[in-house]
């Protein structure tokens, strides 16, 4: 078992019941999501929901939400003894970015991933910075940052390690 957080940074009000339905289907329990206005855009909502489930739950949440093209969201999943932690970020323009994370939530790139970035960049340092930025999810972070800041001041939810 593991746990994580679903952050819905922005969703049209009309999609909020569909998001709850999708999360409930993945979690096999009713998703109780407290929606708040997202001040970045008129008619948008935002929410956070902690979850607990099997080691494939984060990926299943992302799969359930990915077809909702107007929704910006992130899913985090804590590591276990058997699997790395993970973070998925999704925006309508960029689609989904997935990255493995360490116990502190830092993105971890594999040797093969770094070598691929180096190969695609060739001898161009600017291209290498761009490739590594993509691998780290920088374009997704840039897109989501305004929506994250709009959520400042909301109640914080603390996660505790699952044994």
Protein backbone atom coordinates (compact mmCIF):
# COMPACT_ATOMS: atom_id res chain seq x y z
CA UNK A 1 0.00 0.00 0.00
CA UNK A 2 1.00 3.58 -0.59
CA UNK A 3 -0.56 7.02 -0.44
CA UNK A 4 -0.47 10.31 -2.21
CA UNK A 5 -2.32 13.46 -3.14
CA UNK A 6 -4.49 14.42 -6.09
CA UNK A 7 -4.17 18.15 -6.75
CA UNK A 8 -6.79 19.49 -9.15
CA UNK A 9 -5.36 22.92 -9.91
CA UNK A 10 -8.13 24.00 -12.25
CA UNK A 11 -11.27 22.41 -13.59
CA UNK A 12 -14.45 23.86 -15.06
CA UNK A 13 -17.27 23.64 -12.51
CA UNK A 14 -19.21 21.31 -14.84
CA UNK A 15 -16.42 18.70 -14.70
CA UNK A 16 -16.14 18.49 -10.91
CA UNK A 17 -18.73 15.69 -10.52
CA UNK A 18 -16.96 13.73 -13.27
CA UNK A 19 -13.62 14.10 -11.47
CA UNK A 20 -15.20 12.85 -8.24
CA UNK A 21 -16.78 9.93 -10.08
CA UNK A 22 -13.46 9.02 -11.75
CA UNK A 23 -11.53 9.20 -8.44
CA UNK A 24 -14.23 7.16 -6.67
CA UNK A 25 -13.97 4.48 -9.35
CA UNK A 26 -10.21 4.19 -8.92
CA UNK A 27 -10.28 4.28 -5.11
CA UNK A 28 -13.37 2.04 -4.76
CA UNK A 29 -14.72 4.44 -2.13
CA UNK A 30 -16.66 7.68 -2.50
CA UNK A 31 -14.24 10.53 -3.18
CA UNK A 32 -15.09 13.37 -0.85
CA UNK A 33 -13.58 16.37 -2.54
CA UNK A 34 -14.03 19.88 -1.15
CA UNK A 35 -14.07 22.22 -4.12
CA UNK A 36 -13.05 25.87 -3.93
CA UNK A 37 -13.07 28.67 -6.46
CA UNK A 38 -9.85 28.92 -8.45
CA UNK A 39 -9.19 32.69 -8.53
CA UNK A 40 -7.06 32.43 -11.69
CA UNK A 41 -10.10 31.92 -13.93
CA UNK A 42 -13.81 32.58 -13.81
CA UNK A 43 -15.86 29.42 -13.37
CA UNK A 44 -12.84 27.30 -12.42
CA UNK A 45 -12.58 25.14 -9.31
CA UNK A 46 -9.62 23.71 -7.43
CA UNK A 47 -9.27 20.91 -4.86
CA UNK A 48 -6.85 18.59 -3.08
CA UNK A 49 -7.57 15.05 -2.01
CA UNK A 50 -5.34 12.62 -0.16
CA UNK A 51 -5.63 8.99 -1.15
CA UNK A 52 -4.40 5.60 -0.03
CA UNK A 53 -4.23 2.53 -2.20
CA UNK A 54 -2.20 -0.06 -4.07
CA UNK A 55 1.10 0.78 -5.74
CA UNK A 56 -0.66 1.35 -9.10
CA UNK A 57 -3.22 3.81 -7.70
CA UNK A 58 -1.41 7.00 -8.77
CA UNK A 59 -1.11 5.79 -12.36
CA UNK A 60 -4.74 4.67 -12.36
CA UNK A 61 -5.90 8.09 -11.11
CA UNK A 62 -3.98 9.78 -13.91
CA UNK A 63 -5.45 7.41 -16.49
CA UNK A 64 -8.96 8.11 -15.21
CA UNK A 65 -8.49 11.89 -15.48
CA UNK A 66 -6.40 12.21 -18.63
CA UNK A 67 -9.37 12.41 -20.98
CA UNK A 68 -10.69 15.52 -19.25
CA UNK A 69 -8.85 17.94 -21.49
CA UNK A 70 -9.75 21.14 -19.64
CA UNK A 71 -8.37 19.96 -16.30
CA UNK A 72 -4.96 20.84 -14.86
CA UNK A 73 -3.89 18.37 -12.20
CA UNK A 74 -1.02 16.63 -10.45
CA UNK A 75 -0.88 13.29 -8.70
CA UNK A 76 1.87 12.45 -6.24
CA UNK A 77 2.59 9.01 -4.85
CA UNK A 78 4.93 8.13 -2.00
CA UNK A 79 7.59 5.48 -2.47
CA UNK A 80 7.36 2.04 -0.89
CA UNK A 81 9.90 -0.70 -0.32
CA UNK A 82 8.99 -2.09 -3.76
CA UNK A 83 8.46 1.01 -5.95
CA UNK A 84 9.80 4.54 -6.34
CA UNK A 85 7.64 7.51 -5.58
CA UNK A 86 6.11 9.32 -8.54
CA UNK A 87 4.67 12.60 -9.70
CA UNK A 88 2.41 13.11 -12.68
CA UNK A 89 1.62 16.61 -13.95
CA UNK A 90 -1.02 17.30 -16.59
CA UNK A 91 -2.00 20.43 -18.48
CA UNK A 92 -4.35 20.76 -21.46
CA UNK A 93 -1.57 22.09 -23.70
CA UNK A 94 1.30 19.78 -22.67
CA UNK A 95 -0.44 16.55 -21.73
CA UNK A 96 1.02 14.31 -19.03
CA UNK A 97 4.53 14.34 -17.59
CA UNK A 98 5.62 11.46 -15.35
CA UNK A 99 8.71 11.36 -13.17
CA UNK A 100 10.09 9.08 -10.47
CA UNK A 101 10.68 10.80 -7.15
CA UNK A 102 12.84 10.13 -4.11
CA UNK A 103 11.66 10.08 -0.50
CA UNK A 104 11.81 13.90 -0.34
CA UNK A 105 9.77 14.38 -3.52
CA UNK A 106 12.72 15.33 -5.75
CA UNK A 107 12.57 14.14 -9.34
CA UNK A 108 15.08 11.40 -10.06
CA UNK A 109 16.40 10.84 -13.58
CA UNK A 110 17.85 7.49 -14.56
CA UNK A 111 21.23 7.11 -16.24
CA UNK A 112 19.49 6.14 -19.49
CA UNK A 113 17.28 9.22 -19.34
CA UNK A 114 20.27 11.55 -18.86
CA UNK A 115 22.20 9.79 -21.65
CA UNK A 116 19.17 10.23 -23.96
CA UNK A 117 19.09 13.95 -23.17
CA UNK A 118 22.81 14.21 -23.92
CA UNK A 119 22.44 12.29 -27.18
CA UNK A 120 19.53 14.45 -28.41
CA UNK A 121 21.39 17.64 -27.46
CA UNK A 122 24.64 16.73 -29.15
CA UNK A 123 27.29 19.38 -28.49
CA UNK A 124 24.77 22.17 -27.91
CA UNK A 125 24.72 23.27 -24.22
CA UNK A 126 21.45 25.18 -24.69
CA UNK A 127 19.82 22.06 -26.15
CA UNK A 128 21.08 20.01 -23.20
CA UNK A 129 19.52 22.50 -20.75
CA UNK A 130 16.26 22.30 -22.71
CA UNK A 131 16.28 18.46 -22.77
CA UNK A 132 17.04 18.20 -19.06
CA UNK A 133 14.35 20.79 -18.32
CA UNK A 134 11.80 18.70 -20.19
CA UNK A 135 12.96 15.55 -18.37
CA UNK A 136 12.52 17.36 -15.04
CA UNK A 137 9.05 18.63 -16.02
CA UNK A 138 9.97 22.32 -16.16
CA UNK A 139 7.41 23.23 -18.86
CA UNK A 140 4.64 21.64 -16.75
CA UNK A 141 5.85 23.42 -13.61
CA UNK A 142 5.86 26.75 -15.45
CA UNK A 143 2.30 26.22 -16.68
CA UNK A 144 0.98 25.07 -13.30
CA UNK A 145 2.79 27.60 -11.09
CA UNK A 146 0.12 30.31 -11.28
CA UNK A 147 -2.55 27.78 -10.34
CA UNK A 148 -0.49 26.43 -7.44
CA UNK A 149 0.03 29.91 -6.00
CA UNK A 150 -3.67 30.62 -6.28
CA UNK A 151 -4.16 27.77 -3.82
CA UNK A 152 -1.96 29.32 -1.12
CA UNK A 153 -3.72 29.59 2.18
CA UNK A 154 -5.81 26.45 1.74
CA UNK A 155 -5.65 23.92 4.56
CA UNK A 156 -2.55 21.74 4.37
CA UNK A 157 -2.86 17.96 4.48
CA UNK A 158 -0.01 16.01 6.01
CA UNK A 159 0.80 12.51 4.81
CA UNK A 160 2.30 9.88 7.05
CA UNK A 161 4.46 7.02 5.82
CA UNK A 162 2.63 3.80 5.12
CA UNK A 163 4.27 0.74 6.64
